[in-house]
Amino acid sequence: MTKKNDDDAPDAPPVLRGDDAVALWQQGRDAWNDWIAAHPGAEIDFGGVDFTPHRTKGEKLSFTGFHFGDGYVDFEDATFGDGDVYFINTEFGDSIVDFKGAAFGDGGVFFWGATFGDGIVDFSDASVDRLTFDPRTFESRSLDCSSLIVKSAAHFDLSVATDKLAHVSFRNAVFVGPFTLDGVLSAPPDLRGTKADHHVDLSDLRASLRRQPPKRAWPPILSRTVPDHKNAVADAARFRRLKELAEANRDHAAALRFAAYENRAKRWHETGWFASVLDMAFSGFSDYGQSIWRPAAGLVVLTAIAAVLYRAVTDWGCWADAISLAAGNAVAFLPQSRAVRADAVDALFGPDPGTWIDLAILAQAALSFVFLFLIGLGLRNRFRL
């Protein structure tokens, strides 16, 4: 992480540091915001500050409505003492917001309605009792909560995050109480090594992959792919960890969702060409067993095409016989379908339909079985208890 500019550097922004920063904070929101308005690029340095002498034990410590401009904001290794800490409607600009190693005492830390610009937010190695991170806008590129310790409940709502957010890490974090992570992310959050002693709620988390159009290769790559092997392996591992957490908390829908993206990340990288083609087909026809309507639609379309084909090769014979043959092949496992198919074949093609018709009938029956299997898989996943 890039540290703040040196005070003596040419054209360096002003730095509000230590006791001066605490004194201005104690004057209240209006005085603080007036100073920031006059120095919009100033760097705010509360690094190592102990707020305990400046608050009554258990009293809230508030930065509600404070503006921090576009300069570096440093709370690294700050000590906040016991009691709630409010960053409600606080405005952070386009720079680094650093809470690395900060120690919050007993009480909650709240970021309700806070705004974050295009920068980096760092909570790594911090410790807090309860944490609610629910910003109004979040345009940051990175949220680093690695090795964060939360002694009670933690809730991160990143539903307002933009596509700029390419890195979210809770690696090796410890959540003693319940942990909730919500949002729609363009990259998988990293929860590898995370320890959670209570419920982990990922039901409202949607994470996808950053993929690019396929490059020329042989054998050809037939779908979008993660840019390189290293990223693919890392993304697959992140989704695998999300899947494990969802399964541990019996959230089957989330586990299926994360497993699907794990497979997409490995496609063309960790799986061979033929396996990747099968994986792509599994994704397209059933969304990895999450969809019922896709294989059902495939079965209907296949049956309709087969009926048209059977009628066409008999010089446009009887529609009823062609439909009976196609429908019978679609449900060939039913005992009654055998007689229906035999009558239809005899009416359409006579006693000897020929090799190509036999192959067409077998191919339709095989593909219909695959679609029926995928429908059953989707139903099983949808209603799994």
Protein backbone atom coordinates (compact mmCIF):
# COMPACT_ATOMS: atom_id res chain seq x y z
CA MET A 1 0.00 0.00 0.00
CA THR A 2 1.34 3.45 -0.92
CA LYS A 3 1.92 5.61 2.14
CA LYS A 4 1.12 9.28 2.37
CA ASN A 5 3.28 11.95 0.81
CA ASP A 6 6.15 13.45 2.74
CA ASP A 7 5.46 16.94 4.08
CA ASP A 8 8.57 18.33 2.41
CA ALA A 9 7.82 16.93 -1.05
CA PRO A 10 7.19 19.54 -3.74
CA ASP A 11 3.52 20.44 -4.12
CA ALA A 12 2.64 17.92 -1.38
CA PRO A 13 -0.87 18.30 0.01
CA PRO A 14 -1.19 19.52 3.61
CA VAL A 15 -1.27 16.84 6.31
CA LEU A 16 -3.51 17.05 9.36
CA ARG A 17 -1.81 14.80 11.86
CA GLY A 18 -2.01 13.51 15.43
CA ASP A 19 -3.01 16.03 18.07
CA ASP A 20 -3.95 18.65 15.47
CA ALA A 21 -6.33 16.21 13.81
CA VAL A 22 -7.86 15.25 17.17
CA ALA A 23 -8.27 18.91 18.14
CA LEU A 24 -10.09 19.73 14.91
CA TRP A 25 -12.28 16.63 15.26
CA GLN A 26 -13.26 17.76 18.77
CA GLN A 27 -14.48 21.06 17.35
CA GLY A 28 -17.25 19.16 15.58
CA ARG A 29 -18.50 18.36 12.12
CA ASP A 30 -18.98 21.90 10.82
CA ALA A 31 -15.48 23.09 11.72
CA TRP A 32 -14.00 19.91 10.31
CA ASN A 33 -15.89 20.13 7.03
CA ASP A 34 -15.02 23.80 6.61
CA TRP A 35 -11.33 22.96 6.95
CA ILE A 36 -11.61 20.09 4.45
CA ALA A 37 -13.46 22.36 2.00
CA ALA A 38 -10.51 24.75 2.19
CA HIS A 39 -7.99 21.89 1.84
CA PRO A 40 -9.77 19.25 -0.35
CA GLY A 41 -6.65 17.15 -0.99
CA ALA A 42 -5.37 17.18 2.57
CA GLU A 43 -4.16 13.94 4.09
CA ILE A 44 -5.71 12.98 7.43
CA ASP A 45 -3.41 11.12 9.77
CA PHE A 46 -4.94 9.55 12.88
CA GLY A 47 -2.34 6.77 12.69
CA GLY A 48 -1.55 5.41 16.16
CA VAL A 49 -3.90 7.88 17.88
CA ASP A 50 -5.50 6.72 21.12
CA PHE A 51 -9.03 8.13 21.28
CA THR A 52 -9.67 6.65 24.74
CA PRO A 53 -8.69 9.82 26.68
CA HIS A 54 -11.00 11.86 24.45
CA ARG A 55 -14.21 9.98 25.24
CA THR A 56 -16.10 8.78 28.27
CA LYS A 57 -16.08 4.99 28.50
CA GLY A 58 -19.12 3.61 26.74
CA GLU A 59 -19.95 6.97 25.11
CA LYS A 60 -20.27 6.98 21.34
CA LEU A 61 -17.42 8.32 19.27
CA SER A 62 -18.76 9.98 16.17
CA PHE A 63 -17.52 10.92 12.73
CA THR A 64 -21.11 11.24 11.52
CA GLY A 65 -21.40 13.59 8.56
CA PHE A 66 -17.65 14.27 8.42
CA HIS A 67 -16.05 14.82 5.02
CA PHE A 68 -12.53 13.58 4.41
CA GLY A 69 -11.84 14.95 0.94
CA ASP A 70 -9.68 13.11 -1.59
CA GLY A 71 -6.53 12.71 0.47
CA TYR A 72 -5.13 9.68 2.24
CA VAL A 73 -7.14 8.87 5.39
CA ASP A 74 -5.05 7.03 7.97
CA PHE A 75 -6.49 5.33 11.07
CA GLU A 76 -3.77 2.66 11.07
CA ASP A 77 -3.12 1.24 14.56
CA ALA A 78 -5.55 3.75 16.10
CA THR A 79 -7.20 2.78 19.40
CA PHE A 80 -10.85 3.73 19.82
CA GLY A 81 -11.73 2.39 23.28
CA ASP A 82 -15.06 1.03 24.46
CA GLY A 83 -18.37 2.26 23.05
CA ASP A 84 -20.00 2.64 19.64
CA VAL A 85 -18.11 4.33 16.81
CA TYR A 86 -20.18 6.05 14.14
CA PHE A 87 -19.11 6.71 10.56
CA ILE A 88 -22.72 7.39 9.57
CA ASN A 89 -23.08 9.43 6.34
CA THR A 90 -19.33 10.00 6.41
CA GLU A 91 -17.81 10.93 3.05
CA PHE A 92 -14.49 9.44 1.98
CA GLY A 93 -12.95 10.54 -1.31
CA ASP A 94 -10.82 9.02 -4.07
CA SER A 95 -7.93 7.72 -2.02
CA ILE A 96 -6.88 5.14 0.56
CA VAL A 97 -8.96 4.71 3.71
CA ASP A 98 -6.72 2.81 6.09
CA PHE A 99 -7.96 1.09 9.27
CA LYS A 100 -5.17 -1.49 9.22
CA GLY A 101 -4.45 -2.75 12.74
CA ALA A 102 -7.05 -0.44 14.31
CA ALA A 103 -8.35 -1.61 17.71
CA PHE A 104 -12.02 -0.98 18.49
CA GLY A 105 -13.24 -1.82 21.97
CA ASP A 106 -16.56 -3.18 23.18
CA GLY A 107 -19.31 -1.68 21.05
CA GLY A 108 -20.42 -1.43 17.47
CA VAL A 109 -18.75 0.24 14.50
CA PHE A 110 -21.25 1.51 11.96
CA PHE A 111 -20.74 2.72 8.39
CA TRP A 112 -24.41 3.32 7.59
CA GLY A 113 -24.83 5.58 4.56
CA ALA A 114 -21.10 6.27 4.21
CA THR A 115 -19.70 7.07 0.76
CA PHE A 116 -16.40 5.82 -0.64
CA GLY A 117 -14.78 7.11 -3.80
CA ASP A 118 -12.35 5.48 -6.20
CA GLY A 119 -9.72 4.18 -3.81
CA ILE A 120 -8.79 1.38 -1.43
CA VAL A 121 -10.41 0.48 1.88
CA ASP A 122 -8.25 -1.49 4.30
CA PHE A 123 -9.45 -3.21 7.51
CA SER A 124 -6.69 -5.81 7.56
CA ASP A 125 -5.51 -6.93 11.03
CA ALA A 126 -8.11 -4.72 12.72
CA SER A 127 -10.15 -5.93 15.68
CA VAL A 128 -13.73 -4.92 16.45
CA ASP A 129 -16.61 -6.12 18.59
CA ARG A 130 -19.52 -5.57 16.13
CA LEU A 131 -19.20 -4.24 12.60
CA THR A 132 -21.86 -3.03 10.19
CA PHE A 133 -20.54 -1.93 6.81
CA ASP A 134 -23.51 -0.65 4.83
CA PRO A 135 -22.37 2.27 2.63
CA ARG A 136 -24.62 4.40 0.46
CA THR A 137 -22.11 4.44 -2.39
CA PHE A 138 -19.00 2.32 -2.79
CA GLU A 139 -16.79 3.00 -5.81
CA SER A 140 -13.59 1.61 -4.33
CA ARG A 141 -11.35 -0.80 -6.20
CA SER A 142 -10.37 -2.91 -3.22
CA LEU A 143 -11.74 -3.94 0.17
CA ASP A 144 -9.11 -5.70 2.25
CA CYS A 145 -10.38 -7.35 5.45
CA SER A 146 -7.72 -10.03 5.66
CA SER A 147 -6.97 -11.15 9.24
CA LEU A 148 -9.80 -8.97 10.54
CA ILE A 149 -11.15 -10.11 13.92
CA VAL A 150 -14.82 -9.53 14.75
CA LYS A 151 -15.84 -10.70 18.22
CA SER A 152 -19.59 -10.44 17.65
CA ALA A 153 -21.83 -9.95 14.59
CA ALA A 154 -20.44 -8.69 11.27
CA HIS A 155 -22.52 -7.54 8.32
CA PHE A 156 -21.01 -6.34 5.04
CA ASP A 157 -23.52 -5.09 2.47
CA LEU A 158 -21.75 -4.42 -0.83
CA SER A 159 -24.89 -4.20 -2.94
CA VAL A 160 -23.92 -0.66 -4.01
CA ALA A 161 -20.44 -1.68 -5.12
CA THR A 162 -19.53 -1.01 -8.76
CA ASP A 163 -17.63 -3.08 -11.32
CA LYS A 164 -14.48 -1.28 -10.17
CA LEU A 165 -14.39 -3.49 -7.09
CA ALA A 166 -11.96 -6.15 -8.30
CA HIS A 167 -10.59 -7.32 -4.96
CA VAL A 168 -12.49 -8.29 -1.79
CA SER A 169 -10.54 -10.26 0.78
CA PHE A 170 -11.53 -11.76 4.11
CA ARG A 171 -8.63 -14.18 3.99
CA ASN A 172 -7.70 -15.54 7.43
CA ALA A 173 -10.33 -13.34 9.08
CA VAL A 174 -11.97 -14.55 12.30
CA PHE A 175 -15.69 -14.13 12.96
CA VAL A 176 -16.66 -15.24 16.43
CA GLY A 177 -20.31 -14.31 15.87
CA PRO A 178 -22.57 -14.50 12.80
CA PHE A 179 -21.18 -13.16 9.54
CA THR A 180 -23.28 -11.85 6.65
CA LEU A 181 -21.92 -10.84 3.25
CA ASP A 182 -24.32 -9.37 0.69
CA GLY A 183 -23.83 -7.78 -2.70
CA VAL A 184 -23.36 -8.26 -6.42
CA LEU A 185 -19.64 -8.53 -7.16
CA SER A 186 -17.79 -8.86 -10.43
CA ALA A 187 -15.11 -11.02 -8.81
CA PRO A 188 -15.24 -13.69 -6.09
CA PRO A 189 -14.43 -12.53 -2.56
CA ASP A 190 -11.56 -14.37 -0.93
CA LEU A 191 -12.67 -16.23 2.22
CA ARG A 192 -9.90 -18.81 2.19
CA GLY A 193 -8.66 -19.47 5.70
CA THR A 194 -11.60 -17.60 7.20
CA LYS A 195 -12.72 -18.95 10.58
CA ALA A 196 -16.41 -18.59 11.43
CA ASP A 197 -17.73 -19.94 14.72
CA HIS A 198 -21.38 -19.19 13.95
CA HIS A 199 -23.70 -18.91 10.96
CA VAL A 200 -22.33 -17.50 7.70
CA ASP A 201 -25.05 -15.99 5.50
CA LEU A 202 -24.11 -15.78 1.81
CA SER A 203 -27.66 -16.14 0.46
CA ASP A 204 -27.71 -12.61 -1.00
CA LEU A 205 -24.17 -12.72 -2.35
CA ARG A 206 -23.83 -12.83 -6.12
CA ALA A 207 -20.30 -13.10 -7.45
CA SER A 208 -19.19 -13.65 -11.02
CA LEU A 209 -15.99 -14.07 -12.99
CA ARG A 210 -13.94 -11.60 -14.95
CA ARG A 211 -13.58 -13.41 -18.28
CA GLN A 212 -12.40 -12.42 -21.73
CA PRO A 213 -13.23 -13.62 -25.26
CA PRO A 214 -11.35 -16.78 -26.25
CA LYS A 215 -7.94 -16.51 -27.85
CA ARG A 216 -6.89 -18.48 -30.89
CA ALA A 217 -5.66 -21.88 -29.84
CA TRP A 218 -5.70 -25.50 -30.85
CA PRO A 219 -7.82 -27.29 -29.90
CA PRO A 220 -10.08 -24.23 -30.11
CA ILE A 221 -11.42 -22.57 -26.96
CA LEU A 222 -15.17 -22.32 -27.46
CA SER A 223 -16.24 -19.92 -24.71
CA ARG A 224 -15.01 -16.97 -22.68
CA THR A 225 -12.25 -17.80 -20.24
CA VAL A 226 -10.42 -16.39 -17.21
CA PRO A 227 -7.43 -14.47 -18.61
CA ASP A 228 -4.62 -16.67 -17.31
CA HIS A 229 -4.01 -19.95 -15.50
CA LYS A 230 -2.92 -18.37 -12.20
CA ASN A 231 -6.06 -16.24 -11.95
CA ALA A 232 -8.22 -19.23 -12.93
CA VAL A 233 -6.78 -21.39 -10.15
CA ALA A 234 -7.19 -18.61 -7.58
CA ASP A 235 -10.77 -17.81 -8.63
CA ALA A 236 -11.71 -21.50 -8.56
CA ALA A 237 -10.27 -21.81 -5.04
CA ARG A 238 -12.22 -18.73 -3.88
CA PHE A 239 -15.51 -20.09 -5.24
CA ARG A 240 -14.74 -23.50 -3.76
CA ARG A 241 -14.38 -21.90 -0.32
CA LEU A 242 -17.65 -20.01 -0.78
CA LYS A 243 -19.29 -23.31 -1.74
CA GLU A 244 -17.92 -24.99 1.39
CA LEU A 245 -19.28 -22.25 3.64
CA ALA A 246 -22.68 -22.37 1.96
CA GLU A 247 -22.83 -26.15 2.30
CA ALA A 248 -21.81 -25.97 5.97
CA ASN A 249 -24.76 -23.66 6.56
CA ARG A 250 -27.13 -25.82 4.46
CA ASP A 251 -27.66 -23.09 1.87
CA HIS A 252 -27.99 -25.43 -1.12
CA ALA A 253 -28.96 -22.73 -3.62
CA ALA A 254 -25.87 -20.66 -2.83
CA ALA A 255 -23.66 -23.76 -2.87
CA LEU A 256 -24.90 -24.66 -6.37
CA ARG A 257 -24.33 -21.10 -7.55
CA PHE A 258 -20.75 -21.03 -6.30
CA ALA A 259 -20.02 -24.53 -7.60
CA ALA A 260 -21.13 -23.42 -11.06
CA TYR A 261 -18.66 -20.54 -11.07
CA GLU A 262 -15.92 -22.77 -9.71
CA ASN A 263 -16.37 -24.99 -12.79
CA ARG A 264 -16.44 -21.99 -15.13
CA ALA A 265 -13.17 -20.74 -13.64
CA LYS A 266 -11.48 -24.12 -14.19
CA ARG A 267 -12.79 -24.50 -17.75
CA TRP A 268 -10.00 -24.59 -20.38
CA HIS A 269 -7.41 -24.21 -17.58
CA GLU A 270 -7.64 -27.05 -15.04
CA THR A 271 -9.90 -29.28 -17.16
CA GLY A 272 -9.00 -30.80 -20.53
CA TRP A 273 -10.53 -29.81 -23.83
CA PHE A 274 -13.18 -32.56 -24.01
CA ALA A 275 -14.12 -32.10 -20.34
CA SER A 276 -14.40 -28.35 -20.93
CA VAL A 277 -16.77 -28.92 -23.86
CA LEU A 278 -18.94 -31.17 -21.68
CA ASP A 279 -18.82 -28.57 -18.91
CA MET A 280 -19.89 -25.86 -21.36
CA ALA A 281 -22.81 -28.02 -22.54
CA PHE A 282 -23.83 -28.76 -18.94
CA SER A 283 -23.79 -25.04 -18.23
CA GLY A 284 -25.71 -24.11 -21.36
CA PHE A 285 -28.45 -26.73 -21.14
CA SER A 286 -29.08 -26.72 -17.38
CA ASP A 287 -26.98 -24.00 -15.70
CA TYR A 288 -25.22 -26.76 -13.78
CA GLY A 289 -28.46 -28.34 -12.59
CA GLN A 290 -29.94 -25.05 -11.38
CA SER A 291 -32.45 -24.66 -14.21
CA ILE A 292 -35.53 -26.75 -14.96
CA TRP A 293 -36.91 -24.79 -17.90
CA ARG A 294 -33.72 -25.02 -20.02
CA PRO A 295 -33.68 -28.84 -20.35
CA ALA A 296 -37.48 -28.90 -20.57
CA ALA A 297 -37.35 -26.45 -23.48
CA GLY A 298 -34.54 -28.52 -25.04
CA LEU A 299 -36.67 -31.68 -24.83
CA VAL A 300 -39.66 -29.96 -26.44
CA VAL A 301 -37.52 -28.51 -29.26
CA LEU A 302 -35.79 -31.85 -29.87
CA THR A 303 -39.15 -33.66 -30.06
CA ALA A 304 -40.55 -31.08 -32.48
CA ILE A 305 -37.49 -31.29 -34.75
CA ALA A 306 -37.66 -35.10 -34.71
CA ALA A 307 -41.36 -35.05 -35.65
CA VAL A 308 -40.68 -32.75 -38.62
CA LEU A 309 -37.74 -34.93 -39.69
CA TYR A 310 -39.75 -38.16 -39.55
CA ARG A 311 -42.55 -36.64 -41.59
CA ALA A 312 -40.19 -35.05 -44.11
CA VAL A 313 -38.34 -38.27 -44.98
CA THR A 314 -41.65 -39.96 -45.79
CA ASP A 315 -42.60 -37.32 -48.37
CA TRP A 316 -44.60 -35.43 -45.78
CA GLY A 317 -46.70 -38.31 -44.51
CA CYS A 318 -49.13 -38.31 -41.62
CA TRP A 319 -48.42 -35.73 -38.90
CA ALA A 320 -50.08 -37.88 -36.25
CA ASP A 321 -47.72 -40.79 -36.87
CA ALA A 322 -44.65 -38.54 -36.93
CA ILE A 323 -45.65 -36.87 -33.66
CA SER A 324 -46.43 -40.25 -32.07
CA LEU A 325 -43.00 -41.58 -33.02
CA ALA A 326 -41.16 -38.47 -31.76
CA ALA A 327 -43.16 -38.37 -28.49
CA GLY A 328 -42.67 -42.10 -27.94
CA ASN A 329 -38.91 -41.73 -28.34
CA ALA A 330 -38.90 -38.81 -25.88
CA VAL A 331 -40.34 -41.06 -23.16
CA ALA A 332 -38.87 -44.37 -24.31
CA PHE A 333 -38.56 -45.57 -20.71
CA LEU A 334 -42.37 -45.91 -20.44
CA PRO A 335 -43.58 -49.46 -21.27
CA GLN A 336 -46.54 -48.08 -23.26
CA SER A 337 -44.23 -46.15 -25.59
CA ARG A 338 -42.92 -49.34 -27.21
CA ALA A 339 -46.24 -50.18 -28.87
CA VAL A 340 -46.80 -46.54 -29.88
CA ARG A 341 -43.38 -46.34 -31.54
CA ALA A 342 -43.78 -49.68 -33.30
CA ASP A 343 -47.12 -48.66 -34.80
CA ALA A 344 -45.79 -45.26 -35.86
CA VAL A 345 -42.65 -46.72 -37.48
CA ASP A 346 -44.70 -49.28 -39.38
CA ALA A 347 -47.16 -46.60 -40.59
CA LEU A 348 -44.41 -44.19 -41.66
CA PHE A 349 -41.63 -46.42 -42.97
CA GLY A 350 -43.05 -49.90 -43.34
CA PRO A 351 -41.45 -53.07 -41.96
CA ASP A 352 -37.87 -51.96 -42.82
CA PRO A 353 -37.29 -48.26 -41.95
CA GLY A 354 -33.60 -48.39 -42.90
CA THR A 355 -30.32 -47.77 -41.10
CA TRP A 356 -30.49 -43.96 -41.07
CA ILE A 357 -33.96 -43.91 -39.57
CA ASP A 358 -32.86 -46.41 -36.92
CA LEU A 359 -29.88 -44.20 -36.06
CA ALA A 360 -32.09 -41.10 -35.93
CA ILE A 361 -34.51 -42.85 -33.57
CA LEU A 362 -31.67 -44.00 -31.32
CA ALA A 363 -30.05 -40.54 -31.30
CA GLN A 364 -33.32 -38.86 -30.37
CA ALA A 365 -33.95 -41.38 -27.59
CA ALA A 366 -30.44 -40.87 -26.18
CA LEU A 367 -30.65 -37.07 -26.26
CA SER A 368 -34.16 -37.18 -24.75
CA PHE A 369 -32.80 -39.29 -21.90
CA VAL A 370 -30.11 -36.64 -21.24
CA PHE A 371 -32.70 -33.85 -21.14
CA LEU A 372 -34.94 -35.90 -18.83
CA PHE A 373 -32.00 -36.52 -16.53
CA LEU A 374 -31.24 -32.77 -16.43
CA ILE A 375 -34.90 -32.00 -15.66
CA GLY A 376 -34.79 -34.51 -12.80
CA LEU A 377 -31.53 -33.02 -11.54
CA GLY A 378 -33.04 -29.53 -11.60
CA LEU A 379 -36.11 -30.70 -9.70
CA ARG A 380 -33.97 -32.47 -7.15
CA ASN A 381 -31.83 -29.37 -6.61
CA ARG A 382 -34.84 -27.06 -6.49
CA PHE A 383 -36.69 -29.04 -3.84
CA ARG A 384 -33.75 -30.44 -1.91
CA LEU A 385 -34.32 -30.32 1.84
